[in-house]
Amino acid sequence: MSNDVKVYHQYEDDKKESYQSVVDGWNKSKKEMLESTENNRIQRWSYSNGMFKYFNNPGKVITDRNPYINIVDTEEFDLSIKNHPFPPDPPAFNNKNRPNFFGTLMDEYVDESDWYKDTLHTSYERILREAKGQDLPQVHPEKQMDEKDLKKAIFDYAKSRGFVSVGVTKIDRRFISVEVDDEIIFDTIILLGYEMPHEVVHRYPKPEHDTAAYYGYAHCAAHVHEVADFIRSKGYDCRARSWEGFIKYSVHAVNAGLGNFSTYGIVHTPECGTRIKYTSVIIDADLELDEPIDYNIEEFCARCRMCQKSCPSGAIPKEESRYRGTVKRTTDHIKCFDMMAIKHECVQCIRVCPISMLGYENALNSLPTYYKHNLDRPAYKTNYKEVSDEA
């Protein structure tokens, strides 16, 4: 055989499979997967072994019924996601040739840059090991409380660790990266949001001493394992997940009643607007789910649009458009990343946002009275979504 001929597969005669045997094997495997999953299943290309797999997807019903997600054609959306599942990062970030300025950014601006980098690295490495089933901490052999009390205990503990936005929903696998399908072994997700300091954002474009985003990321990294270990101490298995883009947190946060979408596509929370970064824990427990809530944020954003008007890169579109069966504003991540690379961290969209900088109540008070039907709800003041019957 000529040396310039590429040979992709070489089989010994006694090991070579026939095409029919491959088809038969696939049909058997498919039958087993269909029998073990429910009608809400999703078919995904498995990143780990290069074969289609079926996964349960209990979050589908929550998303499809959520009026604040704005899916206008579920069939189109499902088809788009199946054929083009989400990458781990926006297109501009998911590029091996992109300049990596984040280390330089932290060294230049962050007083504790070594702590930031070490914390992010150590936490992420632990997440990767545990996702592979390696070095898993022990789970208490007996359940210490029922799931109702467990939820309150988790929320209390997460708040004590600095997380200001906490909620529970079901994973919608249409909003996770195809790379981590096999790692999402539990269906229930606890969203944990850490606030980026107001004073840091206010100092932009000269942040000095700190950076907004990496403050949030580093503190998510520092505390997410504490929450996971707390859950294990109560007798329930779980896995910490990262602050990276593998799970699209905005839609899960909206499903969990933590906020509504902002003009630039990330979640707006009553606690601190978009000055927030999320991480999460997936848990082997049927915790009571939090419900989507209308905070009137979309109504406010429709009258404001300061982020779109002042975006230096023009990355935020003026109007909504149809995208993958949904009506939404899709930020141009390429333009956004270019500006981030120039400015090291832009955050102009957050810096000019009235909700993020002036506060939820102050901003929403500018709405006409007939749009204030939710302002007396205590939901945004508590981490438990204990909305009174009168609200």
Protein backbone atom coordinates (compact mmCIF):
# COMPACT_ATOMS: atom_id res chain seq x y z
CA MET A 1 0.00 0.00 0.00
CA SER A 2 1.28 3.44 -0.90
CA ASN A 3 2.46 5.54 2.02
CA ASP A 4 0.46 8.54 0.79
CA VAL A 5 -2.88 6.76 1.15
CA LYS A 6 -4.68 7.49 4.42
CA VAL A 7 -6.20 4.47 6.14
CA TYR A 8 -8.84 5.50 8.65
CA HIS A 9 -9.89 2.06 9.88
CA GLN A 10 -8.05 -1.20 9.93
CA TYR A 11 -9.80 -4.35 11.08
CA GLU A 12 -8.64 -7.90 11.35
CA ASP A 13 -10.97 -10.08 9.32
CA ASP A 14 -12.41 -11.80 12.39
CA LYS A 15 -13.23 -8.46 14.06
CA LYS A 16 -14.75 -6.56 11.16
CA GLU A 17 -18.43 -5.73 11.67
CA SER A 18 -20.95 -5.89 8.90
CA TYR A 19 -23.12 -2.88 8.17
CA GLN A 20 -26.19 -4.85 9.22
CA SER A 21 -24.64 -5.73 12.59
CA VAL A 22 -23.99 -2.03 13.22
CA VAL A 23 -27.61 -1.18 12.35
CA ASP A 24 -28.92 -3.98 14.55
CA GLY A 25 -26.78 -2.78 17.43
CA TRP A 26 -28.05 0.76 17.02
CA ASN A 27 -31.68 -0.34 16.91
CA LYS A 28 -31.22 -2.36 20.09
CA SER A 29 -29.53 0.52 21.85
CA LYS A 30 -32.20 2.95 20.64
CA LYS A 31 -35.00 0.68 21.89
CA GLU A 32 -33.41 0.48 25.33
CA MET A 33 -33.04 4.27 25.52
CA LEU A 34 -36.64 4.86 24.42
CA GLU A 35 -37.92 2.45 27.04
CA SER A 36 -35.87 4.10 29.79
CA THR A 37 -36.86 7.71 28.97
CA GLU A 38 -40.13 9.63 29.02
CA ASN A 39 -42.10 11.47 26.35
CA ASN A 40 -40.26 14.71 27.13
CA ARG A 41 -37.00 13.09 25.97
CA ILE A 42 -34.51 14.88 23.78
CA GLN A 43 -32.20 13.29 21.23
CA ARG A 44 -28.68 14.61 21.39
CA TRP A 45 -25.38 13.77 19.79
CA SER A 46 -23.20 12.39 22.55
CA TYR A 47 -19.95 14.31 22.76
CA SER A 48 -18.31 11.53 24.77
CA ASN A 49 -18.73 8.59 22.40
CA GLY A 50 -19.94 9.97 19.08
CA MET A 51 -23.36 8.32 19.11
CA PHE A 52 -26.89 9.63 19.42
CA LYS A 53 -28.42 9.31 22.85
CA TYR A 54 -31.82 10.01 24.35
CA PHE A 55 -32.04 11.97 27.59
CA ASN A 56 -35.00 12.83 29.77
CA ASN A 57 -35.80 16.54 29.65
CA PRO A 58 -38.26 17.47 32.42
CA GLY A 59 -37.55 21.19 32.09
CA LYS A 60 -39.12 21.26 28.62
CA VAL A 61 -42.65 21.62 29.98
CA ILE A 62 -41.62 24.49 32.27
CA THR A 63 -39.95 26.41 29.46
CA ASP A 64 -42.69 25.77 26.92
CA ARG A 65 -45.35 27.06 29.33
CA ASN A 66 -43.31 30.04 30.55
CA PRO A 67 -44.83 33.21 29.04
CA TYR A 68 -41.60 35.14 29.72
CA ILE A 69 -39.42 32.95 27.46
CA ASN A 70 -41.36 33.91 24.31
CA ILE A 71 -41.14 30.65 22.36
CA VAL A 72 -43.55 31.16 19.48
CA ASP A 73 -42.95 27.89 17.64
CA THR A 74 -41.96 24.96 19.86
CA GLU A 75 -41.49 22.57 16.94
CA GLU A 76 -39.11 24.98 15.18
CA PHE A 77 -37.23 25.58 18.42
CA ASP A 78 -36.85 21.86 19.17
CA LEU A 79 -35.67 21.14 15.65
CA SER A 80 -33.13 23.98 15.72
CA ILE A 81 -31.71 22.92 19.07
CA LYS A 82 -31.45 19.27 18.02
CA ASN A 83 -29.54 20.14 14.86
CA HIS A 84 -27.55 23.04 16.28
CA PRO A 85 -27.20 22.57 20.06
CA PHE A 86 -25.63 25.29 22.13
CA PRO A 87 -21.82 25.50 22.23
CA PRO A 88 -20.11 26.00 25.61
CA ASP A 89 -19.52 29.70 24.93
CA PRO A 90 -20.79 32.40 22.59
CA PRO A 91 -19.25 32.11 19.11
CA ALA A 92 -16.64 34.77 19.76
CA PHE A 93 -15.44 32.98 22.87
CA ASN A 94 -15.65 29.48 21.40
CA ASN A 95 -12.70 30.12 19.12
CA LYS A 96 -9.30 28.53 19.69
CA ASN A 97 -7.58 31.44 17.96
CA ARG A 98 -9.11 34.19 20.07
CA PRO A 99 -6.77 36.34 22.16
CA ASN A 100 -6.82 35.29 25.79
CA PHE A 101 -6.61 38.54 27.70
CA PHE A 102 -8.37 37.46 30.89
CA GLY A 103 -5.21 36.61 32.81
CA THR A 104 -3.69 39.96 31.84
CA LEU A 105 -6.95 41.67 32.77
CA MET A 106 -6.85 40.26 36.29
CA ASP A 107 -3.14 40.98 36.78
CA GLU A 108 -3.62 44.58 35.67
CA TYR A 109 -6.76 45.47 37.59
CA VAL A 110 -7.35 43.02 40.43
CA ASP A 111 -5.48 43.52 43.69
CA GLU A 112 -6.01 39.84 44.53
CA SER A 113 -5.40 38.48 41.06
CA ASP A 114 -3.52 35.39 42.30
CA TRP A 115 -6.43 34.50 44.59
CA TYR A 116 -8.87 34.97 41.72
CA LYS A 117 -6.91 32.78 39.33
CA ASP A 118 -6.12 30.08 41.89
CA THR A 119 -9.72 29.96 43.10
CA LEU A 120 -11.14 29.72 39.59
CA HIS A 121 -8.64 27.04 38.56
CA THR A 122 -8.96 24.92 41.71
CA SER A 123 -12.75 25.03 41.73
CA TYR A 124 -13.06 24.25 38.02
CA GLU A 125 -10.65 21.31 38.26
CA ARG A 126 -12.72 19.90 41.12
CA ILE A 127 -15.90 20.29 39.10
CA LEU A 128 -14.33 18.39 36.19
CA ARG A 129 -13.12 15.57 38.44
CA GLU A 130 -16.46 15.17 40.18
CA ALA A 131 -18.27 15.22 36.83
CA LYS A 132 -16.19 12.18 35.89
CA GLY A 133 -17.00 10.47 39.20
CA GLN A 134 -13.54 11.07 40.63
CA ASP A 135 -12.72 12.16 44.20
CA LEU A 136 -16.39 12.44 45.10
CA PRO A 137 -17.04 13.60 48.68
CA GLN A 138 -19.01 11.25 50.89
CA VAL A 139 -22.77 11.66 51.14
CA HIS A 140 -24.18 11.23 54.65
CA PRO A 141 -25.63 7.69 54.76
CA GLU A 142 -28.97 8.88 56.17
CA LYS A 143 -31.20 11.71 55.04
CA GLN A 144 -31.22 14.35 57.74
CA MET A 145 -34.48 16.05 56.73
CA ASP A 146 -37.29 15.86 54.21
CA GLU A 147 -37.06 17.68 50.90
CA LYS A 148 -39.22 20.61 52.00
CA ASP A 149 -36.98 21.38 54.97
CA LEU A 150 -33.92 20.65 52.83
CA LYS A 151 -34.83 23.36 50.35
CA LYS A 152 -35.14 25.99 53.07
CA ALA A 153 -31.89 24.83 54.68
CA ILE A 154 -30.05 25.04 51.33
CA PHE A 155 -31.40 28.52 50.64
CA ASP A 156 -30.44 29.73 54.12
CA TYR A 157 -26.95 28.29 53.81
CA ALA A 158 -26.43 29.63 50.27
CA LYS A 159 -27.45 33.09 51.47
CA SER A 160 -24.95 32.84 54.32
CA ARG A 161 -22.24 32.15 51.73
CA GLY A 162 -23.08 35.35 49.85
CA PHE A 163 -25.45 34.15 47.11
CA VAL A 164 -28.22 36.74 46.71
CA SER A 165 -30.35 35.04 44.06
CA VAL A 166 -31.33 31.40 44.70
CA GLY A 167 -34.02 29.31 43.01
CA VAL A 168 -34.94 25.79 41.96
CA THR A 169 -36.17 24.46 38.64
CA LYS A 170 -35.75 21.48 36.34
CA ILE A 171 -32.95 21.24 33.80
CA ASP A 172 -34.07 21.95 30.24
CA ARG A 173 -31.44 20.12 28.21
CA ARG A 174 -32.16 22.28 25.20
CA PHE A 175 -30.33 25.02 27.10
CA ILE A 176 -27.19 23.13 28.01
CA SER A 177 -24.09 22.61 25.92
CA VAL A 178 -23.90 19.34 24.01
CA GLU A 179 -20.50 18.73 25.61
CA VAL A 180 -21.95 18.12 29.07
CA ASP A 181 -25.03 16.01 28.41
CA ASP A 182 -23.44 12.97 30.05
CA GLU A 183 -22.39 15.04 33.08
CA ILE A 184 -25.90 16.26 33.91
CA ILE A 185 -26.91 13.16 35.87
CA PHE A 186 -29.65 14.83 37.95
CA ASP A 187 -32.70 16.74 36.69
CA THR A 188 -33.16 19.32 39.46
CA ILE A 189 -30.97 22.42 39.44
CA ILE A 190 -30.36 24.98 42.18
CA LEU A 191 -29.40 28.37 40.70
CA LEU A 192 -26.90 30.36 42.77
CA GLY A 193 -26.33 34.01 41.85
CA TYR A 194 -23.46 36.12 43.23
CA GLU A 195 -23.66 39.90 43.05
CA MET A 196 -21.03 41.99 41.30
CA PRO A 197 -20.30 44.99 43.57
CA HIS A 198 -22.10 48.21 42.73
CA GLU A 199 -19.03 50.30 43.51
CA VAL A 200 -16.85 48.30 41.12
CA VAL A 201 -19.28 48.64 38.22
CA HIS A 202 -19.72 52.33 39.02
CA ARG A 203 -15.98 52.97 38.54
CA TYR A 204 -15.95 51.73 34.94
CA PRO A 205 -14.39 52.37 32.46
CA LYS A 206 -11.58 52.55 35.02
CA PRO A 207 -12.46 49.76 37.45
CA GLU A 208 -9.32 50.04 39.63
CA HIS A 209 -8.51 47.30 42.15
CA ASP A 210 -11.12 44.86 40.84
CA THR A 211 -13.22 43.75 37.88
CA ALA A 212 -16.94 43.24 37.86
CA ALA A 213 -17.33 39.93 36.03
CA TYR A 214 -14.36 38.17 37.58
CA TYR A 215 -15.40 39.24 41.05
CA GLY A 216 -18.64 37.35 40.42
CA TYR A 217 -16.96 34.36 38.80
CA ALA A 218 -14.31 34.01 41.49
CA HIS A 219 -16.81 34.17 44.34
CA CYS A 220 -19.07 31.67 42.60
CA ALA A 221 -16.04 29.40 42.35
CA ALA A 222 -15.10 29.97 45.99
CA HIS A 223 -18.51 29.09 47.44
CA VAL A 224 -20.34 26.66 45.12
CA HIS A 225 -18.57 23.62 46.60
CA GLU A 226 -19.48 24.75 50.10
CA VAL A 227 -23.14 24.61 49.12
CA ALA A 228 -22.68 21.20 47.47
CA ASP A 229 -20.88 19.79 50.51
CA PHE A 230 -23.62 21.16 52.77
CA ILE A 231 -26.21 19.27 50.69
CA ARG A 232 -24.18 16.05 50.95
CA SER A 233 -23.99 16.46 54.72
CA LYS A 234 -27.79 16.29 54.75
CA GLY A 235 -27.83 12.92 52.99
CA TYR A 236 -28.51 14.00 49.38
CA ASP A 237 -26.22 13.49 46.41
CA CYS A 238 -25.37 16.43 44.15
CA ARG A 239 -22.78 17.88 41.79
CA ALA A 240 -21.46 21.43 41.68
CA ARG A 241 -21.53 23.01 38.24
CA SER A 242 -19.41 25.85 36.98
CA TRP A 243 -19.99 29.50 36.11
CA GLU A 244 -18.92 28.69 32.54
CA GLY A 245 -21.34 28.63 29.59
CA PHE A 246 -22.14 24.92 29.68
CA ILE A 247 -25.53 25.53 31.30
CA LYS A 248 -27.37 28.56 29.94
CA TYR A 249 -28.32 30.08 33.24
CA SER A 250 -30.50 32.96 32.11
CA VAL A 251 -33.39 30.84 30.92
CA HIS A 252 -33.18 28.55 33.95
CA ALA A 253 -33.15 31.60 36.23
CA VAL A 254 -36.30 32.91 34.51
CA ASN A 255 -37.91 29.46 34.88
CA ALA A 256 -37.02 29.55 38.59
CA GLY A 257 -38.70 32.92 39.08
CA LEU A 258 -35.46 34.78 39.77
CA GLY A 259 -35.99 37.49 37.18
CA ASN A 260 -36.92 38.40 33.61
CA PHE A 261 -34.84 38.92 30.50
CA SER A 262 -33.05 42.20 29.97
CA THR A 263 -32.75 44.00 26.65
CA TYR A 264 -29.31 42.47 26.13
CA GLY A 265 -30.50 38.93 26.77
CA ILE A 266 -29.23 38.06 30.24
CA VAL A 267 -31.43 37.79 33.29
CA HIS A 268 -32.48 40.89 35.23
CA THR A 269 -32.97 40.23 38.96
CA PRO A 270 -34.80 42.45 41.45
CA GLU A 271 -31.89 42.08 43.87
CA CYS A 272 -29.22 43.68 41.68
CA GLY A 273 -30.38 43.85 38.07
CA THR A 274 -27.77 42.28 35.79
CA ARG A 275 -24.90 42.79 38.23
CA ILE A 276 -24.91 39.05 38.85
CA LYS A 277 -23.07 35.87 37.87
CA TYR A 278 -24.56 32.42 38.25
CA THR A 279 -23.27 29.01 39.17
CA SER A 280 -25.37 26.01 40.19
CA VAL A 281 -25.71 22.66 41.90
CA ILE A 282 -27.63 19.77 40.37
CA ILE A 283 -29.21 17.60 43.05
CA ASP A 284 -30.70 14.13 43.35
CA ALA A 285 -33.86 15.32 45.07
CA ASP A 286 -37.33 16.44 44.03
CA LEU A 287 -37.24 19.85 45.64
CA GLU A 288 -40.32 22.03 45.30
CA LEU A 289 -39.89 24.08 42.15
CA ASP A 290 -40.07 27.86 42.05
CA GLU A 291 -42.47 29.40 39.57
CA PRO A 292 -41.78 32.03 36.89
CA ILE A 293 -42.69 35.54 38.04
CA ASP A 294 -43.50 38.69 36.11
CA TYR A 295 -41.44 41.46 37.71
CA ASN A 296 -42.49 44.04 35.09
CA ILE A 297 -38.85 44.21 34.08
CA GLU A 298 -39.58 43.61 30.40
CA GLU A 299 -42.09 46.46 30.53
CA PHE A 300 -39.49 48.77 32.03
CA CYS A 301 -36.80 47.72 29.55
CA ALA A 302 -39.14 48.43 26.63
CA ARG A 303 -39.28 52.06 27.76
CA CYS A 304 -35.60 52.41 28.63
CA ARG A 305 -33.18 50.77 26.17
CA MET A 306 -30.24 52.72 27.64
CA CYS A 307 -28.02 49.68 27.14
CA GLN A 308 -28.87 49.45 23.45
CA LYS A 309 -28.51 53.19 22.94
CA SER A 310 -25.12 53.42 24.63
CA CYS A 311 -23.45 50.13 23.64
CA PRO A 312 -20.09 51.27 22.16
CA SER A 313 -19.92 48.29 19.80
CA GLY A 314 -23.54 48.35 18.61
CA ALA A 315 -23.88 44.73 19.73
CA ILE A 316 -27.37 45.09 21.23
CA PRO A 317 -30.15 45.10 18.60
CA LYS A 318 -32.86 47.73 18.75
CA GLU A 319 -35.71 45.38 17.93
CA GLU A 320 -36.59 41.80 18.77
CA SER A 321 -36.46 39.23 16.00
CA ARG A 322 -37.42 35.64 15.48
CA TYR A 323 -34.55 33.29 16.30
CA ARG A 324 -34.85 29.50 16.54
CA GLY A 325 -38.60 29.70 17.03
CA THR A 326 -38.37 32.36 19.73
CA VAL A 327 -38.86 36.12 19.65
CA LYS A 328 -35.88 37.72 21.36
CA ARG A 329 -32.98 40.12 21.14
CA THR A 330 -29.84 38.25 20.21
CA THR A 331 -26.70 40.13 21.18
CA ASP A 332 -23.94 40.14 18.60
CA HIS A 333 -21.26 38.34 20.62
CA ILE A 334 -18.56 39.01 18.05
CA LYS A 335 -18.96 42.78 18.37
CA CYS A 336 -19.29 42.50 22.13
CA PHE A 337 -16.10 40.46 22.46
CA ASP A 338 -14.17 42.85 20.24
CA MET A 339 -15.08 45.69 22.56
CA MET A 340 -14.22 43.64 25.64
CA ALA A 341 -10.81 42.91 24.16
CA ILE A 342 -10.21 46.62 23.54
CA LYS A 343 -11.48 47.80 26.92
CA HIS A 344 -10.51 44.70 28.92
CA GLU A 345 -14.00 44.67 30.34
CA CYS A 346 -16.67 46.94 28.99
CA VAL A 347 -19.85 46.41 31.11
CA GLN A 348 -21.31 49.62 29.66
CA CYS A 349 -24.68 47.86 29.37
CA ILE A 350 -24.68 47.27 33.13
CA ARG A 351 -23.15 50.64 33.97
CA VAL A 352 -26.04 52.57 32.37
CA CYS A 353 -28.85 50.24 33.50
CA PRO A 354 -31.21 51.95 35.97
CA ILE A 355 -32.30 48.67 37.56
CA SER A 356 -28.71 47.51 38.03
CA MET A 357 -27.37 50.83 39.32
CA LEU A 358 -30.33 52.64 40.92
CA GLY A 359 -32.25 49.64 42.21
CA TYR A 360 -35.34 47.70 41.21
CA GLU A 361 -37.91 49.67 43.17
CA ASN A 362 -36.52 53.07 42.15
CA ALA A 363 -36.53 52.07 38.48
CA LEU A 364 -39.93 50.40 38.48
CA ASN A 365 -41.52 53.37 40.22
CA SER A 366 -41.09 55.25 36.95
CA LEU A 367 -43.67 52.99 35.27
CA PRO A 368 -47.30 54.07 34.92
CA THR A 369 -49.45 52.90 37.83
CA TYR A 370 -51.23 50.19 35.83
CA TYR A 371 -47.89 48.43 35.28
CA LYS A 372 -47.10 48.25 39.00
CA HIS A 373 -49.30 45.26 39.81
CA ASN A 374 -46.31 43.27 41.13
CA LEU A 375 -44.42 45.90 43.08
CA ASP A 376 -46.09 44.93 46.38
CA ARG A 377 -45.11 41.29 45.96
CA PRO A 378 -42.60 40.12 48.59
CA ALA A 379 -41.09 37.61 46.15
CA TYR A 380 -38.06 39.72 45.31
CA LYS A 381 -37.35 40.39 48.99
CA THR A 382 -36.96 36.75 50.00
CA ASN A 383 -35.02 33.78 48.75
CA TYR A 384 -37.93 31.39 49.15
CA LYS A 385 -40.50 32.85 46.75
CA GLU A 386 -43.04 32.94 49.59
CA VAL A 387 -45.60 35.06 47.74
CA SER A 388 -48.61 35.93 49.84
CA ASP A 389 -52.11 34.95 48.74
CA GLU A 390 -53.05 38.62 48.38
CA ALA A 391 -50.21 39.41 45.95
